[in-house]
């Protein structure tokens, strides 16, 4: 195969359908939305945020200790 044919073949393999592009964009928007919600909750009440994560950390550390 020539170099041109190899490049063309790779280009064709990398093509994504419009549906796949939209699914990817949708997932990125979901992630951004979740991040912004958490950021807003933290700004409204930072202490509650820290308490929640402390509790979660203690639960995880207890599981590790019991293993």
PDB file of N, CA and C in Angstrom:
ATOM      1  N   UNK A   1       0.831  -1.191   0.000  1.00  0.00           N
ATOM      2  CA  UNK A   1       0.000   0.000   0.000  1.00  0.00           C
ATOM      3  C   UNK A   1       0.869   1.246   0.000  1.00  0.00           C
ATOM      4  N   UNK A   2       0.368   2.255  -0.609  1.00  0.00           N
ATOM      5  CA  UNK A   2       1.104   3.510  -0.629  1.00  0.00           C
ATOM      6  C   UNK A   2       0.795   4.307   0.624  1.00  0.00           C
ATOM      7  N   UNK A   3       1.592   5.338   0.871  1.00  0.00           N
ATOM      8  CA  UNK A   3       1.379   6.186   2.045  1.00  0.00           C
ATOM      9  C   UNK A   3       0.011   6.865   1.976  1.00  0.00           C
ATOM     10  N   UNK A   4      -0.369   7.276   0.782  1.00  0.00           N
ATOM     11  CA  UNK A   4      -1.657   7.944   0.600  1.00  0.00           C
ATOM     12  C   UNK A   4      -2.811   7.002   0.950  1.00  0.00           C
ATOM     13  N   UNK A   5      -2.704   5.775   0.542  1.00  0.00           N
ATOM     14  CA  UNK A   5      -3.756   4.797   0.818  1.00  0.00           C
ATOM     15  C   UNK A   5      -3.845   4.528   2.321  1.00  0.00           C
ATOM     16  N   UNK A   6      -2.675   4.454   2.987  1.00  0.00           N
ATOM     17  CA  UNK A   6      -2.668   4.249   4.440  1.00  0.00           C
ATOM     18  C   UNK A   6      -3.345   5.405   5.158  1.00  0.00           C
ATOM     19  N   UNK A   7      -3.036   6.632   4.768  1.00  0.00           N
ATOM     20  CA  UNK A   7      -3.627   7.813   5.393  1.00  0.00           C
ATOM     21  C   UNK A   7      -5.137   7.824   5.183  1.00  0.00           C
ATOM     22  N   UNK A   8      -5.563   7.491   3.966  1.00  0.00           N
ATOM     23  CA  UNK A   8      -6.987   7.469   3.647  1.00  0.00           C
ATOM     24  C   UNK A   8      -7.695   6.418   4.486  1.00  0.00           C
ATOM     25  N   UNK A   9      -7.076   5.250   4.658  1.00  0.00           N
ATOM     26  CA  UNK A   9      -7.674   4.171   5.427  1.00  0.00           C
ATOM     27  C   UNK A   9      -7.823   4.579   6.895  1.00  0.00           C
ATOM     28  N   UNK A  10      -6.789   5.185   7.462  1.00  0.00           N
ATOM     29  CA  UNK A  10      -6.846   5.637   8.852  1.00  0.00           C
ATOM     30  C   UNK A  10      -7.901   6.709   9.037  1.00  0.00           C
ATOM     31  N   UNK A  11      -8.015   7.601   8.061  1.00  0.00           N
ATOM     32  CA  UNK A  11      -8.998   8.677   8.127  1.00  0.00           C
ATOM     33  C   UNK A  11     -10.408   8.101   8.141  1.00  0.00           C
ATOM     34  N   UNK A  12     -10.637   7.088   7.340  1.00  0.00           N
ATOM     35  CA  UNK A  12     -11.953   6.456   7.279  1.00  0.00           C
ATOM     36  C   UNK A  12     -12.283   5.748   8.590  1.00  0.00           C
ATOM     37  N   UNK A  13     -11.287   5.127   9.224  1.00  0.00           N
ATOM     38  CA  UNK A  13     -11.494   4.422  10.482  1.00  0.00           C
ATOM     39  C   UNK A  13     -11.858   5.390  11.599  1.00  0.00           C
ATOM     40  N   UNK A  14     -11.322   6.604  11.553  1.00  0.00           N
ATOM     41  CA  UNK A  14     -11.543   7.575  12.607  1.00  0.00           C
ATOM     42  C   UNK A  14     -12.863   8.319  12.458  1.00  0.00           C
ATOM     43  N   UNK A  15     -13.520   8.199  11.329  1.00  0.00           N
ATOM     44  CA  UNK A  15     -14.783   8.899  11.118  1.00  0.00           C
ATOM     45  C   UNK A  15     -15.821   8.423  12.124  1.00  0.00           C
ATOM     46  N   UNK A  16     -16.514   9.372  12.683  1.00  0.00           N
ATOM     47  CA  UNK A  16     -17.560   9.059  13.648  1.00  0.00           C
ATOM     48  C   UNK A  16     -18.887   9.531  13.070  1.00  0.00           C
ATOM     49  N   UNK A  17     -19.912   8.794  13.378  1.00  0.00           N
ATOM     50  CA  UNK A  17     -21.217   9.182  12.858  1.00  0.00           C
ATOM     51  C   UNK A  17     -21.721  10.412  13.602  1.00  0.00           C
ATOM     52  N   UNK A  18     -22.679  11.050  13.035  1.00  0.00           N
ATOM     53  CA  UNK A  18     -23.280  12.239  13.662  1.00  0.00           C
ATOM     54  C   UNK A  18     -23.911  11.850  15.004  1.00  0.00           C
ATOM     55  N   UNK A  19     -24.515  10.681  15.017  1.00  0.00           N
ATOM     56  CA  UNK A  19     -25.140  10.193  16.252  1.00  0.00           C
ATOM     57  C   UNK A  19     -24.100  10.025  17.364  1.00  0.00           C
ATOM     58  N   UNK A  20     -22.947   9.471  17.032  1.00  0.00           N
ATOM     59  CA  UNK A  20     -21.882   9.300  18.019  1.00  0.00           C
ATOM     60  C   UNK A  20     -21.362  10.648  18.522  1.00  0.00           C
ATOM     61  N   UNK A  21     -21.252  11.600  17.617  1.00  0.00           N
ATOM     62  CA  UNK A  21     -20.822  12.943  18.015  1.00  0.00           C
ATOM     63  C   UNK A  21     -21.811  13.562  19.000  1.00  0.00           C
ATOM     64  N   UNK A  22     -23.091  13.408  18.705  1.00  0.00           N
ATOM     65  CA  UNK A  22     -24.127  13.965  19.573  1.00  0.00           C
ATOM     66  C   UNK A  22     -24.162  13.259  20.929  1.00  0.00           C
ATOM     67  N   UNK A  23     -23.951  11.943  20.928  1.00  0.00           N
ATOM     68  CA  UNK A  23     -23.902  11.202  22.188  1.00  0.00           C
ATOM     69  C   UNK A  23     -22.731  11.673  23.043  1.00  0.00           C
ATOM     70  N   UNK A  24     -21.605  11.894  22.415  1.00  0.00           N
ATOM     71  CA  UNK A  24     -20.416  12.376  23.135  1.00  0.00           C
ATOM     72  C   UNK A  24     -20.666  13.767  23.712  1.00  0.00           C
ATOM     73  N   UNK A  25     -21.248  14.636  22.903  1.00  0.00           N
ATOM     74  CA  UNK A  25     -21.548  15.988  23.366  1.00  0.00           C
ATOM     75  C   UNK A  25     -22.550  15.946  24.528  1.00  0.00           C
ATOM     76  N   UNK A  26     -23.547  15.082  24.413  1.00  0.00           N
ATOM     77  CA  UNK A  26     -24.546  14.924  25.459  1.00  0.00           C
ATOM     78  C   UNK A  26     -23.894  14.481  26.771  1.00  0.00           C
ATOM     79  N   UNK A  27     -22.994  13.536  26.707  1.00  0.00           N
ATOM     80  CA  UNK A  27     -22.295  13.054  27.898  1.00  0.00           C
ATOM     81  C   UNK A  27     -21.453  14.162  28.526  1.00  0.00           C
ATOM     82  N   UNK A  28     -20.760  14.937  27.704  1.00  0.00           N
ATOM     83  CA  UNK A  28     -19.952  16.039  28.228  1.00  0.00           C
ATOM     84  C   UNK A  28     -20.833  17.089  28.909  1.00  0.00           C
ATOM     85  N   UNK A  29     -21.992  17.360  28.343  1.00  0.00           N
ATOM     86  CA  UNK A  29     -22.914  18.318  28.945  1.00  0.00           C
ATOM     87  C   UNK A  29     -23.474  17.796  30.268  1.00  0.00           C
ATOM     88  N   UNK A  30     -23.727  16.498  30.345  1.00  0.00           N
ATOM     89  CA  UNK A  30     -24.182  15.904  31.607  1.00  0.00           C
ATOM     90  C   UNK A  30     -23.121  16.057  32.686  1.00  0.00           C
ATOM     91  N   UNK A  31     -21.884  15.782  32.317  1.00  0.00           N
ATOM     92  CA  UNK A  31     -20.783  15.915  33.273  1.00  0.00           C
ATOM     93  C   UNK A  31     -20.624  17.356  33.746  1.00  0.00           C
ATOM     94  N   UNK A  32     -20.721  18.282  32.808  1.00  0.00           N
ATOM     95  CA  UNK A  32     -20.604  19.694  33.164  1.00  0.00           C
ATOM     96  C   UNK A  32     -21.742  20.109  34.096  1.00  0.00           C
ATOM     97  N   UNK A  33     -22.945  19.654  33.804  1.00  0.00           N
ATOM     98  CA  UNK A  33     -24.107  19.974  34.613  1.00  0.00           C
ATOM     99  C   UNK A  33     -23.931  19.436  36.043  1.00  0.00           C
ATOM    100  N   UNK A  34     -23.475  18.206  36.172  1.00  0.00           N
ATOM    101  CA  UNK A  34     -23.261  17.608  37.494  1.00  0.00           C
ATOM    102  C   UNK A  34     -22.195  18.379  38.261  1.00  0.00           C
ATOM    103  N   UNK A  35     -21.139  18.766  37.577  1.00  0.00           N
ATOM    104  CA  UNK A  35     -20.069  19.537  38.210  1.00  0.00           C
ATOM    105  C   UNK A  35     -20.592  20.879  38.719  1.00  0.00           C
ATOM    106  N   UNK A  36     -21.359  21.565  37.893  1.00  0.00           N
ATOM    107  CA  UNK A  36     -21.882  22.873  38.287  1.00  0.00           C
ATOM    108  C   UNK A  36     -22.857  22.761  39.459  1.00  0.00           C
ATOM    109  N   UNK A  37     -23.644  21.696  39.495  1.00  0.00           N
ATOM    110  CA  UNK A  37     -24.556  21.485  40.621  1.00  0.00           C
ATOM    111  C   UNK A  37     -23.767  21.295  41.915  1.00  0.00           C
ATOM    112  N   UNK A  38     -22.706  20.507  41.847  1.00  0.00           N
ATOM    113  CA  UNK A  38     -21.879  20.279  43.037  1.00  0.00           C
ATOM    114  C   UNK A  38     -21.183  21.562  43.465  1.00  0.00           C
ATOM    115  N   UNK A  39     -20.719  22.323  42.512  1.00  0.00           N
ATOM    116  CA  UNK A  39     -20.053  23.581  42.822  1.00  0.00           C
ATOM    117  C   UNK A  39     -21.027  24.542  43.503  1.00  0.00           C
ATOM    118  N   UNK A  40     -22.239  24.629  42.985  1.00  0.00           N
ATOM    119  CA  UNK A  40     -23.254  25.498  43.576  1.00  0.00           C
ATOM    120  C   UNK A  40     -23.571  25.054  45.010  1.00  0.00           C
ATOM    121  N   UNK A  41     -23.725  23.747  45.210  1.00  0.00           N
ATOM    122  CA  UNK A  41     -24.028  23.227  46.542  1.00  0.00           C
ATOM    123  C   UNK A  41     -22.886  23.533  47.504  1.00  0.00           C
ATOM    124  N   UNK A  42     -21.665  23.408  47.048  1.00  0.00           N
ATOM    125  CA  UNK A  42     -20.513  23.703  47.892  1.00  0.00           C
ATOM    126  C   UNK A  42     -20.468  25.177  48.272  1.00  0.00           C
ATOM    127  N   UNK A  43     -20.734  26.039  47.311  1.00  0.00           N
ATOM    128  CA  UNK A  43     -20.705  27.483  47.589  1.00  0.00           C
ATOM    129  C   UNK A  43     -21.811  27.880  48.570  1.00  0.00           C
ATOM    130  N   UNK A  44     -22.957  27.231  48.468  1.00  0.00           N
ATOM    131  CA  UNK A  44     -24.065  27.563  49.365  1.00  0.00           C
ATOM    132  C   UNK A  44     -23.797  27.097  50.793  1.00  0.00           C
ATOM    133  N   UNK A  45     -23.166  25.940  50.931  1.00  0.00           N
ATOM    134  CA  UNK A  45     -22.921  25.411  52.266  1.00  0.00           C
ATOM    135  C   UNK A  45     -21.657  24.540  52.274  1.00  0.00           C
ATOM    136  N   UNK A  46     -20.482  25.139  52.376  1.00  0.00           N
ATOM    137  CA  UNK A  46     -19.233  24.377  52.339  1.00  0.00           C
ATOM    138  C   UNK A  46     -19.119  23.364  53.476  1.00  0.00           C
ATOM    139  N   UNK A  47     -19.637  23.687  54.649  1.00  0.00           N
ATOM    140  CA  UNK A  47     -19.525  22.766  55.783  1.00  0.00           C
ATOM    141  C   UNK A  47     -20.283  21.471  55.542  1.00  0.00           C
ATOM    142  N   UNK A  48     -21.454  21.561  54.969  1.00  0.00           N
ATOM    143  CA  UNK A  48     -22.248  20.368  54.675  1.00  0.00           C
ATOM    144  C   UNK A  48     -21.509  19.493  53.667  1.00  0.00           C
ATOM    145  N   UNK A  49     -20.889  20.118  52.717  1.00  0.00           N
ATOM    146  CA  UNK A  49     -20.131  19.389  51.700  1.00  0.00           C
ATOM    147  C   UNK A  49     -18.996  18.610  52.360  1.00  0.00           C
ATOM    148  N   UNK A  50     -18.241  19.254  53.249  1.00  0.00           N
ATOM    149  CA  UNK A  50     -17.123  18.598  53.920  1.00  0.00           C
ATOM    150  C   UNK A  50     -17.605  17.471  54.830  1.00  0.00           C
ATOM    151  N   UNK A  51     -18.684  17.692  55.551  1.00  0.00           N
ATOM    152  CA  UNK A  51     -19.221  16.663  56.441  1.00  0.00           C
ATOM    153  C   UNK A  51     -19.628  15.419  55.651  1.00  0.00           C
ATOM    154  N   UNK A  52     -20.279  15.643  54.532  1.00  0.00           N
ATOM    155  CA  UNK A  52     -20.728  14.528  53.697  1.00  0.00           C
ATOM    156  C   UNK A  52     -19.532  13.694  53.251  1.00  0.00           C
ATOM    157  N   UNK A  53     -18.470  14.360  52.825  1.00  0.00           N
ATOM    158  CA  UNK A  53     -17.305  13.642  52.336  1.00  0.00           C
ATOM    159  C   UNK A  53     -16.500  13.026  53.469  1.00  0.00           C
ATOM    160  N   UNK A  54     -16.522  13.626  54.644  1.00  0.00           N
ATOM    161  CA  UNK A  54     -15.862  13.011  55.799  1.00  0.00           C
ATOM    162  C   UNK A  54     -16.550  11.694  56.129  1.00  0.00           C
ATOM    163  N   UNK A  55     -17.885  11.710  56.136  1.00  0.00           N
ATOM    164  CA  UNK A  55     -18.632  10.494  56.437  1.00  0.00           C
ATOM    165  C   UNK A  55     -18.319   9.405  55.416  1.00  0.00           C
ATOM    166  N   UNK A  56     -18.263   9.780  54.181  1.00  0.00           N
ATOM    167  CA  UNK A  56     -17.976   8.825  53.117  1.00  0.00           C
ATOM    168  C   UNK A  56     -16.575   8.241  53.297  1.00  0.00           C
ATOM    169  N   UNK A  57     -15.628   9.095  53.637  1.00  0.00           N
ATOM    170  CA  UNK A  57     -14.250   8.652  53.823  1.00  0.00           C
ATOM    171  C   UNK A  57     -14.163   7.679  54.987  1.00  0.00           C
ATOM    172  N   UNK A  58     -14.870   7.962  56.098  1.00  0.00           N
ATOM    173  CA  UNK A  58     -14.849   7.080  57.255  1.00  0.00           C
ATOM    174  C   UNK A  58     -15.437   5.716  56.911  1.00  0.00           C
ATOM    175  N   UNK A  59     -16.494   5.695  56.131  1.00  0.00           N
ATOM    176  CA  UNK A  59     -17.089   4.421  55.730  1.00  0.00           C
ATOM    177  C   UNK A  59     -16.106   3.601  54.899  1.00  0.00           C
ATOM    178  N   UNK A  60     -15.413   4.258  54.001  1.00  0.00           N
ATOM    179  CA  UNK A  60     -14.446   3.563  53.155  1.00  0.00           C
ATOM    180  C   UNK A  60     -13.287   3.044  53.990  1.00  0.00           C
ATOM    181  N   UNK A  61     -12.797   3.864  54.900  1.00  0.00           N
ATOM    182  CA  UNK A  61     -11.660   3.439  55.717  1.00  0.00           C
ATOM    183  C   UNK A  61     -12.055   2.291  56.648  1.00  0.00           C
ATOM    184  N   UNK A  62     -13.293   2.259  57.142  1.00  0.00           N
ATOM    185  CA  UNK A  62     -13.739   1.152  57.988  1.00  0.00           C
ATOM    186  C   UNK A  62     -13.785  -0.144  57.186  1.00  0.00           C
ATOM    187  N   UNK A  63     -14.238  -0.065  55.925  1.00  0.00           N
ATOM    188  CA  UNK A  63     -14.276  -1.249  55.084  1.00  0.00           C
ATOM    189  C   UNK A  63     -12.873  -1.805  54.859  1.00  0.00           C
ATOM    190  N   UNK A  64     -11.915  -0.918  54.635  1.00  0.00           N
ATOM    191  CA  UNK A  64     -10.534  -1.350  54.406  1.00  0.00           C
ATOM    192  C   UNK A  64      -9.958  -1.999  55.664  1.00  0.00           C
ATOM    193  N   UNK A  65     -10.291  -1.436  56.832  1.00  0.00           N
ATOM    194  CA  UNK A  65      -9.787  -1.979  58.088  1.00  0.00           C
ATOM    195  C   UNK A  65     -10.343  -3.372  58.370  1.00  0.00           C
ATOM    196  N   UNK A  66     -11.572  -3.605  57.975  1.00  0.00           N
ATOM    197  CA  UNK A  66     -12.199  -4.901  58.242  1.00  0.00           C
ATOM    198  C   UNK A  66     -11.735  -5.983  57.273  1.00  0.00           C
ATOM    199  N   UNK A  67     -11.156  -5.588  56.159  1.00  0.00           N
ATOM    200  CA  UNK A  67     -10.686  -6.567  55.146  1.00  0.00           C
ATOM    201  C   UNK A  67      -9.454  -7.276  55.552  1.00  0.00           C
TER     202      UNK A  67
END
